[in-house]
C-alpha atoms as a PDB file:
ATOM      1  CA  MET A   1      37.261  26.426  27.285  1.00  0.00           C
ATOM      2  CA  ASN A   2      37.969  28.498  23.612  1.00  0.00           C
ATOM      3  CA  ILE A   3      37.051  25.486  22.101  1.00  0.00           C
ATOM      4  CA  ILE A   4      33.678  24.935  23.667  1.00  0.00           C
ATOM      5  CA  GLN A   5      33.199  28.591  22.738  1.00  0.00           C
ATOM      6  CA  LYS A   6      34.527  28.135  19.506  1.00  0.00           C
ATOM      7  CA  ILE A   7      31.904  25.403  19.118  1.00  0.00           C
ATOM      8  CA  CYS A   8      29.070  27.163  20.936  1.00  0.00           C
ATOM      9  CA  ASP A   9      29.829  30.313  18.231  1.00  0.00           C
ATOM     10  CA  GLY A  10      29.947  28.024  15.616  1.00  0.00           C
ATOM     11  CA  ILE A  11      26.478  26.433  16.274  1.00  0.00           C
ATOM     12  CA  TRP A  12      25.009  29.799  16.996  1.00  0.00           C
ATOM     13  CA  TYR A  13      26.165  30.836  13.491  1.00  0.00           C
ATOM     14  CA  CYS A  14      24.482  27.871  11.430  1.00  0.00           C
ATOM     15  CA  LEU A  15      21.323  28.496  13.648  1.00  0.00           C
ATOM     16  CA  HIS A  16      20.937  32.416  13.737  1.00  0.00           C
ATOM     17  CA  GLN A  17      23.709  34.430  12.523  1.00  0.00           C
ATOM     18  CA  TYR A  18      23.871  33.392   9.164  1.00  0.00           C
ATOM     19  CA  TRP A  19      20.102  33.550   8.309  1.00  0.00           C
ATOM     20  CA  ILE A  20      20.301  37.142   9.710  1.00  0.00           C
ATOM     21  CA  ASP A  21      23.221  38.130   7.967  1.00  0.00           C
ATOM     22  CA  GLU A  22      22.362  36.389   4.286  1.00  0.00           C
ATOM     23  CA  ALA A  23      18.326  36.728   4.544  1.00  0.00           C
ATOM     24  CA  ASP A  24      16.526  38.068   1.357  1.00  0.00           C
ATOM     25  CA  GLN A  25      15.145  41.049   3.353  1.00  0.00           C
ATOM     26  CA  ARG A  26      11.450  40.826   1.476  1.00  0.00           C
ATOM     27  CA  THR A  27      10.558  38.126   3.980  1.00  0.00           C
ATOM     28  CA  LYS A  28      11.364  39.291   7.086  1.00  0.00           C
ATOM     29  CA  HIS A  29       7.788  40.803   7.891  1.00  0.00           C
ATOM     30  CA  LEU A  30       6.855  37.276   7.637  1.00  0.00           C
ATOM     31  CA  PRO A  31       5.995  35.651  10.738  1.00  0.00           C
ATOM     32  CA  MET A  32       8.874  32.941  11.647  1.00  0.00           C
ATOM     33  CA  PHE A  33      11.065  35.203   9.053  1.00  0.00           C
ATOM     34  CA  ASP A  34      12.733  37.694  10.729  1.00  0.00           C
ATOM     35  CA  ASN A  35      15.266  35.672  13.084  1.00  0.00           C
ATOM     36  CA  GLY A  36      17.019  32.617  12.379  1.00  0.00           C
ATOM     37  CA  LEU A  37      16.596  28.815  12.182  1.00  0.00           C
ATOM     38  CA  GLU A  38      16.006  28.498  16.098  1.00  0.00           C
ATOM     39  CA  ILE A  39      12.375  28.855  15.400  1.00  0.00           C
ATOM     40  CA  PRO A  40      11.216  26.605  13.064  1.00  0.00           C
ATOM     41  CA  LEU A  41      13.396  23.440  14.769  1.00  0.00           C
ATOM     42  CA  LEU A  42      12.199  24.318  18.174  1.00  0.00           C
ATOM     43  CA  LEU A  43       8.527  23.756  16.595  1.00  0.00           C
ATOM     44  CA  LEU A  44       9.593  20.903  15.137  1.00  0.00           C
ATOM     45  CA  LEU A  45      10.832  19.232  18.233  1.00  0.00           C
ATOM     46  CA  ILE A  46       7.529  20.326  20.270  1.00  0.00           C
ATOM     47  CA  TYR A  47       6.009  18.432  17.335  1.00  0.00           C
ATOM     48  CA  LEU A  48       8.453  15.280  17.258  1.00  0.00           C
ATOM     49  CA  ILE A  49       8.291  15.217  21.730  1.00  0.00           C
ATOM     50  CA  PHE A  50       4.059  15.287  21.265  1.00  0.00           C
ATOM     51  CA  VAL A  51       4.387  12.429  18.224  1.00  0.00           C
ATOM     52  CA  LYS A  52       6.544   9.996  19.802  1.00  0.00           C
ATOM     53  CA  ILE A  53       6.622  10.772  23.538  1.00  0.00           C
ATOM     54  CA  ILE A  54       3.313  13.033  25.007  1.00  0.00           C
ATOM     55  CA  GLY A  55       1.077  11.721  22.537  1.00  0.00           C
ATOM     56  CA  PRO A  56       0.997   7.998  22.751  1.00  0.00           C
ATOM     57  CA  TRP A  57       1.237   8.338  26.664  1.00  0.00           C
ATOM     58  CA  PHE A  58      -1.626  10.613  27.050  1.00  0.00           C
ATOM     59  CA  MET A  59      -3.614   7.939  24.930  1.00  0.00           C
ATOM     60  CA  LYS A  60      -2.362   4.881  26.291  1.00  0.00           C
ATOM     61  CA  ASN A  61      -5.311   4.308  28.511  1.00  0.00           C
ATOM     62  CA  ARG A  62      -7.902   6.261  26.301  1.00  0.00           C
ATOM     63  CA  LYS A  63     -10.008   4.721  23.731  1.00  0.00           C
ATOM     64  CA  PRO A  64      -9.350   6.139  19.755  1.00  0.00           C
ATOM     65  CA  PHE A  65     -11.064   9.869  19.579  1.00  0.00           C
ATOM     66  CA  ASP A  66     -14.093  10.242  17.048  1.00  0.00           C
ATOM     67  CA  LEU A  67     -12.784  12.940  14.847  1.00  0.00           C
ATOM     68  CA  PHE A  68     -14.887  12.578  11.505  1.00  0.00           C
ATOM     69  CA  LEU A  69     -15.944  16.168  11.430  1.00  0.00           C
ATOM     70  CA  PRO A  70     -12.459  17.765  12.373  1.00  0.00           C
ATOM     71  CA  MET A  71     -11.221  15.669   9.828  1.00  0.00           C
ATOM     72  CA  LEU A  72     -13.083  16.136   7.511  1.00  0.00           C
ATOM     73  CA  LEU A  73     -13.010  20.048   7.437  1.00  0.00           C
ATOM     74  CA  TYR A  74      -9.488  20.293   7.815  1.00  0.00           C
ATOM     75  CA  ASP A  75      -8.867  17.709   4.844  1.00  0.00           C
ATOM     76  CA  LEU A  76     -11.557  19.789   2.776  1.00  0.00           C
ATOM     77  CA  PHE A  77      -9.666  22.880   3.699  1.00  0.00           C
ATOM     78  CA  MET A  78      -6.583  21.795   2.880  1.00  0.00           C
ATOM     79  CA  THR A  79      -7.852  20.964  -0.635  1.00  0.00           C
ATOM     80  CA  ILE A  80      -9.256  23.701  -1.053  1.00  0.00           C
ATOM     81  CA  SER A  81      -5.748  26.151   0.027  1.00  0.00           C
ATOM     82  CA  ASN A  82      -3.332  24.027  -1.913  1.00  0.00           C
ATOM     83  CA  GLY A  83      -5.952  24.683  -5.036  1.00  0.00           C
ATOM     84  CA  ILE A  84      -5.685  28.111  -4.616  1.00  0.00           C
ATOM     85  CA  ILE A  85      -2.194  28.102  -4.484  1.00  0.00           C
ATOM     86  CA  PHE A  86      -1.779  25.822  -7.495  1.00  0.00           C
ATOM     87  CA  PHE A  87      -4.074  27.973  -9.806  1.00  0.00           C
ATOM     88  CA  SER A  88      -2.656  30.999  -8.676  1.00  0.00           C
ATOM     89  CA  ILE A  89       1.168  30.191  -9.421  1.00  0.00           C
ATOM     90  CA  LEU A  90       0.227  28.675 -12.425  1.00  0.00           C
ATOM     91  CA  LEU A  91      -2.436  31.619 -13.980  1.00  0.00           C
ATOM     92  CA  PHE A  92       0.029  34.510 -12.575  1.00  0.00           C
ATOM     93  CA  HIS A  93       3.239  33.544 -11.895  1.00  0.00           C
ATOM     94  CA  ILE A  94       5.262  31.460 -14.073  1.00  0.00           C
ATOM     95  CA  ASP A  95       5.190  33.091 -17.531  1.00  0.00           C
ATOM     96  CA  PHE A  96       3.402  30.223 -19.168  1.00  0.00           C
ATOM     97  CA  GLY A  97       6.984  28.046 -18.393  1.00  0.00           C
ATOM     98  CA  ARG A  98       9.201  30.948 -18.893  1.00  0.00           C
ATOM     99  CA  ARG A  99       9.767  31.699 -15.544  1.00  0.00           C
ATOM    100  CA  PHE A 100      11.756  28.184 -15.218  1.00  0.00           C
ATOM    101  CA  LEU A 101      14.341  29.025 -17.543  1.00  0.00           C
ATOM    102  CA  LEU A 102      15.336  31.641 -15.664  1.00  0.00           C
ATOM    103  CA  PHE A 103      18.931  30.632 -13.626  1.00  0.00           C
ATOM    104  CA  LYS A 104      20.534  33.770 -12.432  1.00  0.00           C
ATOM    105  CA  PHE A 105      19.842  34.159  -8.906  1.00  0.00           C
ATOM    106  CA  PRO A 106      16.871  36.658  -8.563  1.00  0.00           C
ATOM    107  CA  ASP A 107      17.511  40.822  -7.773  1.00  0.00           C
ATOM    108  CA  ARG A 108      16.578  41.163  -4.230  1.00  0.00           C
ATOM    109  CA  ASN A 109      16.144  45.230  -4.593  1.00  0.00           C
ATOM    110  CA  ASP A 110      12.661  44.631  -6.607  1.00  0.00           C
ATOM    111  CA  TYR A 111       9.912  45.347  -4.753  1.00  0.00           C
ATOM    112  CA  SER A 112       7.276  45.699  -6.713  1.00  0.00           C
ATOM    113  CA  ILE A 113       4.135  44.534  -6.059  1.00  0.00           C
ATOM    114  CA  GLN A 114       3.828  41.690  -8.698  1.00  0.00           C
ATOM    115  CA  THR A 115       7.163  40.106  -6.488  1.00  0.00           C
ATOM    116  CA  MET A 116       5.674  40.850  -3.059  1.00  0.00           C
ATOM    117  CA  ASN A 117       2.637  39.048  -4.052  1.00  0.00           C
ATOM    118  CA  GLU A 118       4.487  35.799  -5.445  1.00  0.00           C
ATOM    119  CA  ILE A 119       6.331  36.091  -1.939  1.00  0.00           C
ATOM    120  CA  ASN A 120       3.657  35.782   0.068  1.00  0.00           C
ATOM    121  CA  ASN A 121       2.058  33.339  -2.312  1.00  0.00           C
ATOM    122  CA  GLY A 122       5.157  31.245  -1.146  1.00  0.00           C
ATOM    123  CA  TYR A 123       4.396  31.940   2.689  1.00  0.00           C
ATOM    124  CA  LEU A 124       0.722  30.463   2.441  1.00  0.00           C
ATOM    125  CA  CYS A 125       2.206  27.771   0.404  1.00  0.00           C
ATOM    126  CA  TYR A 126       4.819  27.092   3.424  1.00  0.00           C
ATOM    127  CA  LEU A 127       2.203  27.557   6.147  1.00  0.00           C
ATOM    128  CA  THR A 128       0.329  24.743   4.511  1.00  0.00           C
ATOM    129  CA  ARG A 129       3.283  22.307   4.467  1.00  0.00           C
ATOM    130  CA  TRP A 130       2.985  23.099   8.618  1.00  0.00           C
ATOM    131  CA  ALA A 131      -0.742  22.202   8.448  1.00  0.00           C
ATOM    132  CA  ASP A 132       0.432  19.062   7.329  1.00  0.00           C
ATOM    133  CA  LEU A 133       1.408  18.087  10.426  1.00  0.00           C
ATOM    134  CA  LEU A 134      -2.049  18.215  11.711  1.00  0.00           C
ATOM    135  CA  ASP A 135      -2.712  14.672   9.890  1.00  0.00           C
ATOM    136  CA  THR A 136       0.175  13.232  12.544  1.00  0.00           C
ATOM    137  CA  VAL A 137      -1.857  15.001  15.920  1.00  0.00           C
ATOM    138  CA  PHE A 138      -4.958  12.959  14.006  1.00  0.00           C
ATOM    139  CA  PHE A 139      -2.869   9.152  13.625  1.00  0.00           C
ATOM    140  CA  VAL A 140      -1.954  10.482  17.214  1.00  0.00           C
ATOM    141  CA  LEU A 141      -5.590  11.149  18.726  1.00  0.00           C
ATOM    142  CA  ARG A 142      -7.118   8.125  16.833  1.00  0.00           C
ATOM    143  CA  LYS A 143      -3.973   5.943  17.841  1.00  0.00           C
ATOM    144  CA  LYS A 144      -3.372   4.893  14.705  1.00  0.00           C
ATOM    145  CA  GLN A 145       0.322   5.061  15.383  1.00  0.00           C
ATOM    146  CA  GLN A 146       1.410   2.405  13.148  1.00  0.00           C
ATOM    147  CA  GLN A 147       0.946   4.917  10.508  1.00  0.00           C
ATOM    148  CA  ILE A 148       3.482   6.669  11.702  1.00  0.00           C
ATOM    149  CA  THR A 149       6.140   5.919   9.788  1.00  0.00           C
ATOM    150  CA  PHE A 150       9.715   6.890   9.541  1.00  0.00           C
ATOM    151  CA  LEU A 151       9.095   8.100   5.970  1.00  0.00           C
ATOM    152  CA  HIS A 152       6.261  10.125   7.324  1.00  0.00           C
ATOM    153  CA  LEU A 153       7.892  11.781  10.282  1.00  0.00           C
ATOM    154  CA  TYR A 154      11.291  12.647   8.117  1.00  0.00           C
ATOM    155  CA  HIS A 155       8.938  14.421   5.030  1.00  0.00           C
ATOM    156  CA  HIS A 156       6.465  16.113   7.920  1.00  0.00           C
ATOM    157  CA  THR A 157       9.827  17.456   9.428  1.00  0.00           C
ATOM    158  CA  LEU A 158      12.379  17.827   6.508  1.00  0.00           C
ATOM    159  CA  VAL A 159      10.167  20.168   4.390  1.00  0.00           C
ATOM    160  CA  PRO A 160       9.267  22.694   6.698  1.00  0.00           C
ATOM    161  CA  ILE A 161      13.083  23.345   7.882  1.00  0.00           C
ATOM    162  CA  ILE A 162      14.048  23.359   3.527  1.00  0.00           C
ATOM    163  CA  GLY A 163      11.068  25.619   2.756  1.00  0.00           C
ATOM    164  CA  TRP A 164      12.160  27.859   5.336  1.00  0.00           C
ATOM    165  CA  MET A 165      15.724  28.271   4.325  1.00  0.00           C
ATOM    166  CA  VAL A 166      15.201  28.565   0.425  1.00  0.00           C
ATOM    167  CA  LEU A 167      12.310  30.949   1.393  1.00  0.00           C
ATOM    168  CA  LYS A 168      14.858  33.198   3.544  1.00  0.00           C
ATOM    169  CA  ILE A 169      17.338  33.180   1.212  1.00  0.00           C
ATOM    170  CA  THR A 170      15.702  33.077  -2.016  1.00  0.00           C
ATOM    171  CA  PRO A 171      12.293  33.357  -2.227  1.00  0.00           C
ATOM    172  CA  LEU A 172      11.571  33.866  -5.663  1.00  0.00           C
ATOM    173  CA  ALA A 173      13.783  31.446  -7.715  1.00  0.00           C
ATOM    174  CA  PRO A 174      11.940  29.192 -10.430  1.00  0.00           C
ATOM    175  CA  VAL A 175      13.458  25.932  -8.597  1.00  0.00           C
ATOM    176  CA  VAL A 176      11.050  27.235  -5.474  1.00  0.00           C
ATOM    177  CA  ILE A 177       8.033  28.461  -7.297  1.00  0.00           C
ATOM    178  CA  LEU A 178       7.743  24.668  -9.606  1.00  0.00           C
ATOM    179  CA  PHE A 179       8.390  23.659  -6.201  1.00  0.00           C
ATOM    180  CA  PHE A 180       5.443  25.103  -4.879  1.00  0.00           C
ATOM    181  CA  MET A 181       3.386  24.934  -7.690  1.00  0.00           C
ATOM    182  CA  ILE A 182       3.742  21.077  -8.017  1.00  0.00           C
ATOM    183  CA  ASN A 183       3.271  19.956  -4.698  1.00  0.00           C
ATOM    184  CA  SER A 184       0.005  22.280  -3.550  1.00  0.00           C
ATOM    185  CA  PHE A 185      -1.461  20.774  -6.757  1.00  0.00           C
ATOM    186  CA  ILE A 186      -0.608  16.885  -5.208  1.00  0.00           C
ATOM    187  CA  HIS A 187      -1.354  18.119  -1.908  1.00  0.00           C
ATOM    188  CA  MET A 188      -4.860  19.260  -3.421  1.00  0.00           C
ATOM    189  CA  ILE A 189      -5.332  15.901  -4.910  1.00  0.00           C
ATOM    190  CA  MET A 190      -4.026  13.767  -2.097  1.00  0.00           C
ATOM    191  CA  TYR A 191      -6.361  15.882   0.605  1.00  0.00           C
ATOM    192  CA  LEU A 192      -9.563  15.596  -1.584  1.00  0.00           C
ATOM    193  CA  TYR A 193      -8.836  11.751  -1.454  1.00  0.00           C
ATOM    194  CA  TYR A 194      -8.759  11.854   2.155  1.00  0.00           C
ATOM    195  CA  ALA A 195     -11.738  13.911   2.299  1.00  0.00           C
ATOM    196  CA  LEU A 196     -13.864  11.229   0.246  1.00  0.00           C
ATOM    197  CA  ALA A 197     -12.278   8.456   2.174  1.00  0.00           C
ATOM    198  CA  ALA A 198     -13.374   9.735   5.538  1.00  0.00           C
ATOM    199  CA  PHE A 199     -17.019   8.757   4.573  1.00  0.00           C
ATOM    200  CA  GLY A 200     -15.873   5.382   4.422  1.00  0.00           C
ATOM    201  CA  ASN A 201     -17.914   2.264   2.350  1.00  0.00           C
ATOM    202  CA  ARG A 202     -20.066   5.273   0.363  1.00  0.00           C
ATOM    203  CA  PHE A 203     -17.406   6.628  -2.003  1.00  0.00           C
ATOM    204  CA  ARG A 204     -14.980   3.533  -1.449  1.00  0.00           C
ATOM    205  CA  LYS A 205     -15.840   2.051  -5.253  1.00  0.00           C
ATOM    206  CA  TYR A 206     -14.436   5.512  -6.338  1.00  0.00           C
ATOM    207  CA  LEU A 207     -11.305   5.317  -4.765  1.00  0.00           C
ATOM    208  CA  TRP A 208      -9.981   3.037  -7.045  1.00  0.00           C
ATOM    209  CA  TRP A 209      -6.949   6.022  -7.612  1.00  0.00           C
ATOM    210  CA  LYS A 210      -5.405   6.209  -4.903  1.00  0.00           C
ATOM    211  CA  LYS A 211      -2.144   4.975  -5.754  1.00  0.00           C
ATOM    212  CA  PHE A 212      -1.889   7.281  -8.596  1.00  0.00           C
ATOM    213  CA  ILE A 213      -1.117   9.535  -5.651  1.00  0.00           C
ATOM    214  CA  THR A 214       2.089   8.152  -5.022  1.00  0.00           C
ATOM    215  CA  GLN A 215       3.335   8.223  -8.634  1.00  0.00           C
ATOM    216  CA  LEU A 216       2.420  11.270  -8.965  1.00  0.00           C
ATOM    217  CA  GLN A 217       4.776  12.366  -5.877  1.00  0.00           C
ATOM    218  CA  LEU A 218       7.417   9.758  -7.663  1.00  0.00           C
ATOM    219  CA  ILE A 219       6.865  11.686 -11.107  1.00  0.00           C
ATOM    220  CA  GLN A 220       7.635  15.117  -9.039  1.00  0.00           C
ATOM    221  CA  PHE A 221      11.086  13.954  -7.167  1.00  0.00           C
ATOM    222  CA  LEU A 222      11.955  13.124 -11.318  1.00  0.00           C
ATOM    223  CA  ILE A 223      11.199  16.643 -12.236  1.00  0.00           C
ATOM    224  CA  PHE A 224      12.867  18.027  -9.561  1.00  0.00           C
ATOM    225  CA  GLY A 225      15.328  16.157 -10.234  1.00  0.00           C
ATOM    226  CA  PHE A 226      16.222  16.826 -14.427  1.00  0.00           C
ATOM    227  CA  TYR A 227      15.573  20.578 -13.208  1.00  0.00           C
ATOM    228  CA  SER A 228      18.497  20.156 -10.345  1.00  0.00           C
ATOM    229  CA  ILE A 229      20.432  19.017 -13.063  1.00  0.00           C
ATOM    230  CA  VAL A 230      19.969  21.124 -15.032  1.00  0.00           C
ATOM    231  CA  MET A 231      20.315  24.133 -12.553  1.00  0.00           C
ATOM    232  CA  LEU A 232      24.232  22.570 -11.657  1.00  0.00           C
ATOM    233  CA  PHE A 233      25.458  23.909 -14.901  1.00  0.00           C
ATOM    234  CA  LEU A 234      22.972  26.247 -15.859  1.00  0.00           C
ATOM    235  CA  ALA A 235      22.396  28.384 -12.390  1.00  0.00           C
ATOM    236  CA  LYS A 236      24.240  31.153 -11.434  1.00  0.00           C
ATOM    237  CA  GLY A 237      24.697  33.288  -7.995  1.00  0.00           C
ATOM    238  CA  PHE A 238      22.205  30.968  -5.809  1.00  0.00           C
ATOM    239  CA  PRO A 239      23.925  29.856  -2.263  1.00  0.00           C
ATOM    240  CA  SER A 240      26.119  26.435  -2.909  1.00  0.00           C
ATOM    241  CA  PHE A 241      24.772  24.482   0.317  1.00  0.00           C
ATOM    242  CA  ILE A 242      20.692  25.371  -0.465  1.00  0.00           C
ATOM    243  CA  PHE A 243      21.471  23.884  -3.675  1.00  0.00           C
ATOM    244  CA  TRP A 244      23.430  20.346  -2.642  1.00  0.00           C
ATOM    245  CA  LEU A 245      20.804  20.312   0.711  1.00  0.00           C
ATOM    246  CA  GLY A 246      17.556  20.002  -2.089  1.00  0.00           C
ATOM    247  CA  PHE A 247      19.728  17.726  -4.426  1.00  0.00           C
ATOM    248  CA  ALA A 248      20.568  15.459  -2.167  1.00  0.00           C
ATOM    249  CA  GLN A 249      17.229  14.809  -0.621  1.00  0.00           C
ATOM    250  CA  ASN A 250      15.820  14.060  -3.802  1.00  0.00           C
ATOM    251  CA  PRO A 251      16.902  11.169  -4.692  1.00  0.00           C
ATOM    252  CA  PHE A 252      16.681   9.773  -0.840  1.00  0.00           C
ATOM    253  CA  PHE A 253      12.763  11.005  -1.164  1.00  0.00           C
ATOM    254  CA  PHE A 254      12.413   9.432  -4.139  1.00  0.00           C
ATOM    255  CA  TYR A 255      13.870   5.853  -3.097  1.00  0.00           C
ATOM    256  CA  MET A 256      11.152   6.073   0.476  1.00  0.00           C
ATOM    257  CA  PHE A 257       8.535   7.076  -1.969  1.00  0.00           C
ATOM    258  CA  TYR A 258       9.296   4.009  -4.503  1.00  0.00           C
ATOM    259  CA  ASP A 259       9.728   1.848  -1.551  1.00  0.00           C
ATOM    260  CA  PHE A 260       6.386   2.264  -0.458  1.00  0.00           C
ATOM    261  CA  TYR A 261       4.469   2.109  -3.214  1.00  0.00           C
ATOM    262  CA  ARG A 262       6.094  -0.934  -4.122  1.00  0.00           C
ATOM    263  CA  LYS A 263       5.119  -2.685  -0.247  1.00  0.00           C
ATOM    264  CA  SER A 264       1.925  -0.619  -0.732  1.00  0.00           C
ATOM    265  CA  TYR A 265       0.664  -1.705  -4.416  1.00  0.00           C
ATOM    266  CA  LEU A 266       3.304  -3.801  -6.291  1.00  0.00           C
ATOM    267  CA  ASN A 267       3.895  -6.314  -3.896  1.00  0.00           C
ATOM    268  CA  LYS A 268       0.265  -6.649  -3.255  1.00  0.00           C
ATOM    269  CA  ASN A 269      -0.738  -6.963  -6.739  1.00  0.00           C
ATOM    270  CA  LYS A 270       2.095 -10.398  -7.013  1.00  0.00           C
ATOM    271  CA  GLN A 271       0.373 -11.553  -3.650  1.00  0.00           C
ATOM    272  CA  ASN A 272      -3.116 -10.966  -5.522  1.00  0.00           C
ATOM    273  CA  SER A 273      -1.742 -12.649  -8.721  1.00  0.00           C
ATOM    274  CA  ASN A 274      -0.356 -15.407  -6.863  1.00  0.00           C
ATOM    275  CA  SER A 275      -3.256 -16.606  -4.745  1.00  0.00           C
ATOM    276  CA  LYS A 276      -5.351 -16.359  -8.394  1.00  0.00           C
ATOM    277  CA  ARG A 277      -3.586 -19.167  -9.515  1.00  0.00           C
END
């Protein structure tokens, strides 16, 4: 009984108490950040159950839904919101790049207007990563289950978790700001592509740049990889497990996105060149 109790206590500490004890108090006013990790995990569990079980069961004997207008509005909203986040960080929060040279753990007693605006801006970016989950729902309702790959689900579930962890503990770390800035830029471009692609053949000839979105994502992982190595030697005061969690995921994401890029574009180009011969 004591062993079971210790295991349960350990799980509860990892899911809840640690995040209460170590939290940056400047984020506790934000929805989802006044408790432990159990709320985000529960939401993601509901998401996965719908995507893998309930959704396919619901659509089994139904025709795909025509979601042109909802998807177009969604893509436009995501384009604009990510654009606002990107330009606000670029213009007001990075001090011409000098912000990324600060490797000391940020002061948690700074409640200035500038600081709180940065935290709130990071939170808005975090919410857009939850909004990303809607594109999976659209796949299910349109019976595009083949597009819900392991990479798609892994990326969509892990980013909200890691994002929650870093915002809970260190919302003003330069690496967090760098991630939000680059990631918002890529999502702005990506959802603009989706919005144009929704019109079908009318815009198809203008969408030759699709592969460059994946290239941008690969460049993003290279930047984070380089920055993580720099942080490994220069960072002071940051919780080590959060650093290693993010550091470990970076090469894994790079591998999966490169594998997708290779199969989608490089192999296709080889097949086309061989067919021409």
